[in-house]
Amino acid sequence: MAIRKWNLIAPVVIVFLVLLCAAPVQQARAQTATVITATSAQIPVNIGAAYSPSEWTDTQMITIPNVAMTVGFKYNSTGLLFVMQWANGGLMCSSQSCFGGIELGFLNNTAEMGSALTPTIMVLASPSFKGSYDEFISAGATTPSTVESDGYKTQSTCSLALSGTTYTAQCYRPFKLNGASPHDPFPSLVAGSSIELGFAVGNFAIPGQHAATTMASYVLVLGPAASTTSTTTSSSSGTGSSASTTGTQSSSSTTSTTSTTSQTSTTSSGGQTTPSGPSVSNYWEELAIVVIGFSVFLLIVMMRYKRS
């Protein structure tokens, strides 16, 4: 009889131990990750035009040592703007095979390039791509697949230029997505929320030749909105899919104008609002609710067993 009772109690004990351990692990990740804050845009950026440092003076530029990349992030009422710069040359990045980019994921990933259970979205720029950029679904050790090959649409609009020995990629990514992969964390990204962020630079000509950060190393946080006006013009001549601020897809040149106002998410073109889905920071709270509910169910089963 004692053994049968333990068989009922053991699952409850295990579930509560998992719940108790989950919180410290999440807290440890939050303490070790480097936080990068995307500031509210103060200066217009023309994504399709040549890189102009003056358009990014309202943004803190940060160097990522692991991949030797300099990045900057800011946002307006409809989407995220980011710039990436890295060196061309050597085995790591050379000729048409060079690539650089970022990796986007929910706050439950610790792998370098996603995993089978928690894939990430990669926004990569390379002269080897048509249009110089594309988006990929990364699931760890396997070769990333393009979002188009999985039946989804590229959401970003990017431009890539080589000046001397430096590549510069400028991108715009709307908060309002259209035909995006379910692994895309952007529907939950609003002012004050955060997602995981990774960086990579490499060489397609040499399989496995790349430098990358783990998804537990950096967190991107959207800072509070500011009461200023910002206009973003994005144009792309590439043949790949691109996203405008209204959420429509186009394979030709795209021009989008947005305005940022204090604590608002309304676009100047159509009055549409960015989605207000739950923040991915609630992941562990939802898990706790599920675990507690399951534990209560097991306790009820135990009580009925005792009565019988």
Protein backbone atom coordinates (compact mmCIF):
# COMPACT_ATOMS: atom_id res chain seq x y z
CA MET A 1 0.00 0.00 0.00
CA ALA A 2 2.86 2.40 0.84
CA ILE A 3 4.40 1.81 -2.58
CA ARG A 4 1.09 2.54 -4.34
CA LYS A 5 0.68 5.79 -2.40
CA TRP A 6 4.23 6.85 -3.34
CA ASN A 7 3.44 6.15 -6.99
CA LEU A 8 0.71 8.77 -6.74
CA ILE A 9 2.70 11.26 -4.68
CA ALA A 10 5.94 11.04 -6.69
CA PRO A 11 4.62 12.88 -9.82
CA VAL A 12 3.38 15.74 -7.65
CA VAL A 13 6.76 16.05 -5.93
CA ILE A 14 8.60 16.03 -9.26
CA VAL A 15 6.31 18.67 -10.76
CA PHE A 16 6.80 21.03 -7.82
CA LEU A 17 10.58 20.52 -7.91
CA VAL A 18 10.60 21.48 -11.60
CA LEU A 19 8.53 24.57 -10.83
CA LEU A 20 10.82 25.61 -8.00
CA CYS A 21 13.95 25.15 -10.13
CA ALA A 22 12.56 27.02 -13.16
CA ALA A 23 12.43 30.43 -11.48
CA PRO A 24 16.11 30.48 -10.36
CA VAL A 25 17.22 29.38 -13.84
CA GLN A 26 15.21 32.18 -15.47
CA GLN A 27 16.58 34.71 -12.96
CA ALA A 28 20.15 33.57 -13.64
CA ARG A 29 19.62 34.01 -17.39
CA ALA A 30 18.26 37.53 -16.85
CA GLN A 31 21.27 38.44 -14.73
CA THR A 32 23.89 37.14 -17.17
CA ALA A 33 22.39 38.41 -20.43
CA THR A 34 23.57 41.75 -21.81
CA VAL A 35 20.62 44.08 -22.36
CA ILE A 36 20.55 46.15 -25.56
CA THR A 37 17.94 48.90 -25.53
CA ALA A 38 16.25 50.02 -28.73
CA THR A 39 15.56 53.74 -28.34
CA SER A 40 12.62 55.62 -29.79
CA ALA A 41 13.71 57.06 -33.15
CA GLN A 42 14.42 60.78 -33.26
CA ILE A 43 16.03 60.98 -36.73
CA PRO A 44 14.61 59.70 -40.06
CA VAL A 45 16.40 56.79 -41.74
CA ASN A 46 16.35 55.99 -45.45
CA ILE A 47 16.93 52.23 -45.47
CA GLY A 48 17.43 52.00 -49.23
CA ALA A 49 19.88 54.89 -49.50
CA ALA A 50 23.60 54.89 -48.76
CA TYR A 51 24.50 54.54 -45.09
CA SER A 52 24.64 57.93 -43.35
CA PRO A 53 26.13 57.95 -39.83
CA SER A 54 24.14 61.10 -39.03
CA GLU A 55 20.89 59.10 -39.31
CA TRP A 56 22.03 56.92 -36.40
CA THR A 57 23.34 59.56 -33.98
CA ASP A 58 20.17 59.10 -31.88
CA THR A 59 21.15 55.46 -31.36
CA GLN A 60 23.77 53.91 -29.12
CA MET A 61 26.23 51.91 -31.23
CA ILE A 62 27.43 48.72 -29.53
CA THR A 63 30.29 46.41 -30.49
CA ILE A 64 29.70 42.65 -30.17
CA PRO A 65 33.18 41.22 -29.44
CA ASN A 66 32.42 37.57 -30.34
CA VAL A 67 31.57 38.43 -33.94
CA ALA A 68 33.41 41.78 -34.33
CA MET A 69 30.17 43.48 -35.33
CA THR A 70 28.94 46.98 -34.46
CA VAL A 71 25.16 47.35 -34.15
CA GLY A 72 22.52 49.93 -33.32
CA PHE A 73 18.77 49.57 -32.71
CA LYS A 74 15.88 52.02 -32.59
CA TYR A 75 12.17 51.90 -33.34
CA ASN A 76 9.24 54.00 -34.45
CA SER A 77 5.50 53.44 -34.12
CA THR A 78 5.39 50.67 -36.70
CA GLY A 79 8.66 48.78 -36.57
CA LEU A 80 12.28 48.20 -35.59
CA LEU A 81 15.22 49.84 -37.33
CA PHE A 82 18.71 48.40 -36.99
CA VAL A 83 22.15 48.80 -38.53
CA MET A 84 24.96 46.23 -38.58
CA GLN A 85 28.60 46.72 -39.59
CA TRP A 86 31.33 44.10 -39.88
CA ALA A 87 34.67 43.67 -41.64
CA ASN A 88 35.19 41.91 -44.96
CA GLY A 89 38.29 39.79 -45.36
CA GLY A 90 40.03 36.64 -44.14
CA LEU A 91 38.50 33.17 -43.82
CA MET A 92 35.59 34.32 -41.67
CA CYS A 93 34.11 36.66 -44.24
CA SER A 94 35.28 37.00 -47.83
CA SER A 95 34.02 37.86 -51.32
CA GLN A 96 30.44 36.97 -52.27
CA SER A 97 30.25 34.30 -49.57
CA CYS A 98 30.39 36.75 -46.67
CA PHE A 99 27.32 37.12 -44.48
CA GLY A 100 26.33 38.93 -41.32
CA GLY A 101 23.11 39.27 -39.41
CA ILE A 102 21.00 38.90 -36.29
CA GLU A 103 18.96 36.13 -34.73
CA LEU A 104 15.59 36.74 -33.07
CA GLY A 105 13.95 34.43 -30.55
CA PHE A 106 11.54 34.09 -27.65
CA LEU A 107 12.83 34.27 -24.08
CA ASN A 108 13.11 30.50 -23.69
CA ASN A 109 16.13 29.70 -25.83
CA THR A 110 19.73 29.00 -24.82
CA ALA A 111 21.14 27.48 -28.00
CA GLU A 112 23.60 29.23 -30.28
CA MET A 113 21.40 29.11 -33.37
CA GLY A 114 18.06 28.02 -32.02
CA SER A 115 17.04 24.43 -31.40
CA ALA A 116 14.56 21.89 -32.70
CA LEU A 117 12.12 22.84 -29.90
CA THR A 118 12.74 26.61 -30.05
CA PRO A 119 13.66 27.69 -33.59
CA THR A 120 14.74 31.28 -34.17
CA ILE A 121 14.42 33.75 -37.03
CA MET A 122 17.65 34.90 -38.68
CA VAL A 123 17.86 38.12 -40.69
CA LEU A 124 21.02 37.74 -42.78
CA ALA A 125 22.64 40.09 -45.28
CA SER A 126 25.05 38.84 -47.91
CA PRO A 127 26.11 39.84 -51.45
CA SER A 128 25.38 36.22 -52.41
CA PHE A 129 21.62 36.76 -51.92
CA LYS A 130 19.29 38.25 -54.50
CA GLY A 131 18.46 41.63 -53.03
CA SER A 132 21.37 41.17 -50.56
CA TYR A 133 19.24 39.82 -47.67
CA ASP A 134 16.87 37.08 -46.61
CA GLU A 135 15.27 35.54 -43.53
CA PHE A 136 15.85 32.02 -42.25
CA ILE A 137 14.41 29.61 -39.68
CA SER A 138 17.24 28.24 -37.57
CA ALA A 139 16.82 25.06 -35.52
CA GLY A 140 20.31 24.38 -34.21
CA ALA A 141 22.80 22.05 -35.88
CA THR A 142 20.74 21.63 -39.04
CA THR A 143 21.22 24.01 -41.96
CA PRO A 144 18.81 26.97 -41.61
CA SER A 145 15.97 27.05 -44.12
CA THR A 146 14.63 30.19 -45.75
CA VAL A 147 11.22 31.30 -44.51
CA GLU A 148 10.00 31.17 -48.11
CA SER A 149 10.95 27.48 -48.45
CA ASP A 150 8.73 26.76 -45.43
CA GLY A 151 5.79 28.64 -46.92
CA TYR A 152 6.18 31.94 -45.03
CA LYS A 153 7.14 35.47 -46.06
CA THR A 154 10.22 37.56 -45.37
CA GLN A 155 9.20 40.43 -43.09
CA SER A 156 12.32 42.61 -43.20
CA THR A 157 13.47 45.23 -45.68
CA CYS A 158 17.27 45.60 -45.82
CA SER A 159 20.06 47.16 -47.82
CA LEU A 160 23.71 46.10 -47.91
CA ALA A 161 26.76 48.05 -49.01
CA LEU A 162 30.52 47.49 -48.97
CA SER A 163 32.70 50.53 -48.32
CA GLY A 164 36.40 49.74 -48.27
CA THR A 165 36.64 46.68 -46.03
CA THR A 166 33.41 47.31 -44.09
CA TYR A 167 29.97 45.88 -44.79
CA THR A 168 26.99 47.93 -43.61
CA ALA A 169 23.47 46.52 -43.52
CA GLN A 170 20.47 48.68 -42.66
CA CYS A 171 17.12 47.03 -41.97
CA TYR A 172 13.53 47.85 -41.13
CA ARG A 173 11.24 45.20 -39.62
CA PRO A 174 7.55 45.96 -38.95
CA PHE A 175 5.83 44.97 -35.73
CA LYS A 176 2.71 44.10 -37.71
CA LEU A 177 3.53 40.90 -39.58
CA ASN A 178 1.95 39.35 -42.64
CA GLY A 179 2.40 35.67 -43.45
CA ALA A 180 5.21 35.30 -40.91
CA SER A 181 6.59 32.09 -39.43
CA PRO A 182 5.02 31.02 -36.10
CA HIS A 183 8.55 31.08 -34.66
CA ASP A 184 8.73 34.84 -35.19
CA PRO A 185 8.78 36.72 -31.85
CA PHE A 186 7.76 40.08 -33.29
CA PRO A 187 3.99 39.87 -32.69
CA SER A 188 4.84 40.13 -28.97
CA LEU A 189 7.38 42.94 -29.36
CA VAL A 190 5.94 46.26 -28.17
CA ALA A 191 7.34 49.16 -26.15
CA GLY A 192 8.63 47.84 -22.84
CA SER A 193 8.87 44.18 -23.92
CA SER A 194 11.94 42.14 -24.83
CA ILE A 195 13.15 39.23 -26.98
CA GLU A 196 16.35 37.23 -27.25
CA LEU A 197 18.95 38.45 -29.68
CA GLY A 198 21.91 36.77 -31.35
CA PHE A 199 24.61 37.88 -33.79
CA ALA A 200 26.52 36.00 -36.50
CA VAL A 201 29.21 36.65 -39.10
CA GLY A 202 30.48 33.94 -41.41
CA ASN A 203 31.40 32.48 -44.76
CA PHE A 204 28.96 30.41 -46.81
CA ALA A 205 31.84 29.01 -48.88
CA ILE A 206 33.18 27.11 -45.85
CA PRO A 207 30.42 25.10 -44.13
CA GLY A 208 30.37 25.76 -40.39
CA GLN A 209 32.77 28.70 -40.72
CA HIS A 210 31.11 31.41 -38.66
CA ALA A 211 31.26 33.29 -35.38
CA ALA A 212 28.06 33.59 -33.36
CA THR A 213 26.73 34.46 -29.92
CA THR A 214 24.40 32.21 -27.94
CA MET A 215 20.77 33.21 -27.57
CA ALA A 216 21.25 33.50 -23.81
CA SER A 217 23.89 36.23 -24.18
CA TYR A 218 21.85 39.23 -25.36
CA VAL A 219 18.33 40.55 -24.81
CA LEU A 220 16.78 43.31 -26.91
CA VAL A 221 14.46 45.63 -24.96
CA LEU A 222 12.25 48.33 -26.46
CA GLY A 223 12.62 51.47 -24.40
CA PRO A 224 9.78 53.90 -23.68
CA ALA A 225 8.36 55.86 -26.59
CA ALA A 226 9.23 59.52 -27.04
CA SER A 227 7.00 62.42 -28.11
CA THR A 228 8.85 63.15 -31.34
CA THR A 229 8.17 62.61 -35.01
CA SER A 230 10.28 60.29 -37.11
CA THR A 231 9.98 59.36 -40.76
CA THR A 232 11.44 56.19 -42.22
CA THR A 233 11.74 55.61 -45.94
CA SER A 234 12.66 52.13 -47.02
CA SER A 235 13.33 51.16 -50.61
CA SER A 236 14.64 47.90 -51.97
CA SER A 237 15.48 46.89 -55.52
CA GLY A 238 15.99 43.22 -54.64
CA THR A 239 13.81 40.40 -55.88
CA GLY A 240 13.21 38.89 -52.45
CA SER A 241 10.10 39.55 -50.40
CA SER A 242 9.97 42.71 -48.30
CA ALA A 243 7.56 44.19 -45.80
CA SER A 244 6.11 47.70 -45.67
CA THR A 245 4.74 49.42 -42.56
CA THR A 246 1.19 48.50 -43.56
CA GLY A 247 2.03 44.82 -43.48
CA THR A 248 1.75 44.21 -47.25
CA GLN A 249 4.39 42.22 -49.11
CA SER A 250 6.18 43.33 -52.23
CA SER A 251 8.99 42.03 -54.39
CA SER A 252 9.71 45.43 -55.91
CA SER A 253 10.72 48.77 -54.46
CA THR A 254 8.94 49.61 -51.21
CA THR A 255 8.46 53.04 -49.71
CA SER A 256 7.04 53.45 -46.25
CA THR A 257 6.47 56.53 -44.14
CA THR A 258 5.76 56.31 -40.43
CA SER A 259 5.40 58.73 -37.57
CA THR A 260 6.17 58.17 -33.88
CA THR A 261 4.16 59.89 -31.16
CA SER A 262 4.11 59.56 -27.40
CA GLN A 263 2.86 56.11 -26.26
CA THR A 264 0.99 55.43 -29.50
CA SER A 265 1.17 52.77 -32.18
CA THR A 266 -0.88 54.43 -34.92
CA THR A 267 0.59 54.75 -38.40
CA SER A 268 0.28 57.96 -40.39
CA SER A 269 -0.76 56.12 -43.54
CA GLY A 270 -3.76 54.06 -42.47
CA GLY A 271 -4.41 54.47 -38.76
CA GLN A 272 -3.50 50.83 -38.14
CA THR A 273 -2.13 49.82 -34.78
CA THR A 274 0.65 47.46 -33.88
CA PRO A 275 -0.56 44.20 -32.31
CA SER A 276 -0.84 44.18 -28.54
CA GLY A 277 -0.23 40.47 -27.99
CA PRO A 278 1.16 39.16 -24.70
CA SER A 279 4.80 39.81 -23.93
CA VAL A 280 7.09 36.79 -24.19
CA SER A 281 8.33 37.70 -20.70
CA ASN A 282 5.16 35.99 -19.44
CA TYR A 283 6.41 32.60 -20.66
CA TRP A 284 7.37 31.34 -17.20
CA GLU A 285 4.19 32.67 -15.60
CA GLU A 286 2.11 30.69 -18.09
CA LEU A 287 4.23 27.60 -17.46
CA ALA A 288 3.70 27.97 -13.71
CA ILE A 289 -0.08 28.15 -14.16
CA VAL A 290 -0.05 24.96 -16.25
CA VAL A 291 2.15 23.12 -13.76
CA ILE A 292 0.09 24.20 -10.74
CA GLY A 293 -3.14 23.18 -12.48
CA PHE A 294 -1.72 19.77 -13.25
CA SER A 295 -0.57 19.37 -9.65
CA VAL A 296 -4.03 20.18 -8.32
CA PHE A 297 -5.47 17.55 -10.64
CA LEU A 298 -3.09 14.94 -9.24
CA LEU A 299 -3.99 15.88 -5.66
CA ILE A 300 -7.69 15.41 -6.41
CA VAL A 301 -6.93 11.96 -7.82
CA MET A 302 -5.02 11.11 -4.63
CA MET A 303 -7.89 12.22 -2.40
CA ARG A 304 -10.38 10.10 -4.31
CA TYR A 305 -8.00 7.14 -4.14
CA LYS A 306 -7.78 7.44 -0.32
CA ARG A 307 -11.58 7.57 0.02
CA SER A 308 -11.93 4.40 -2.01
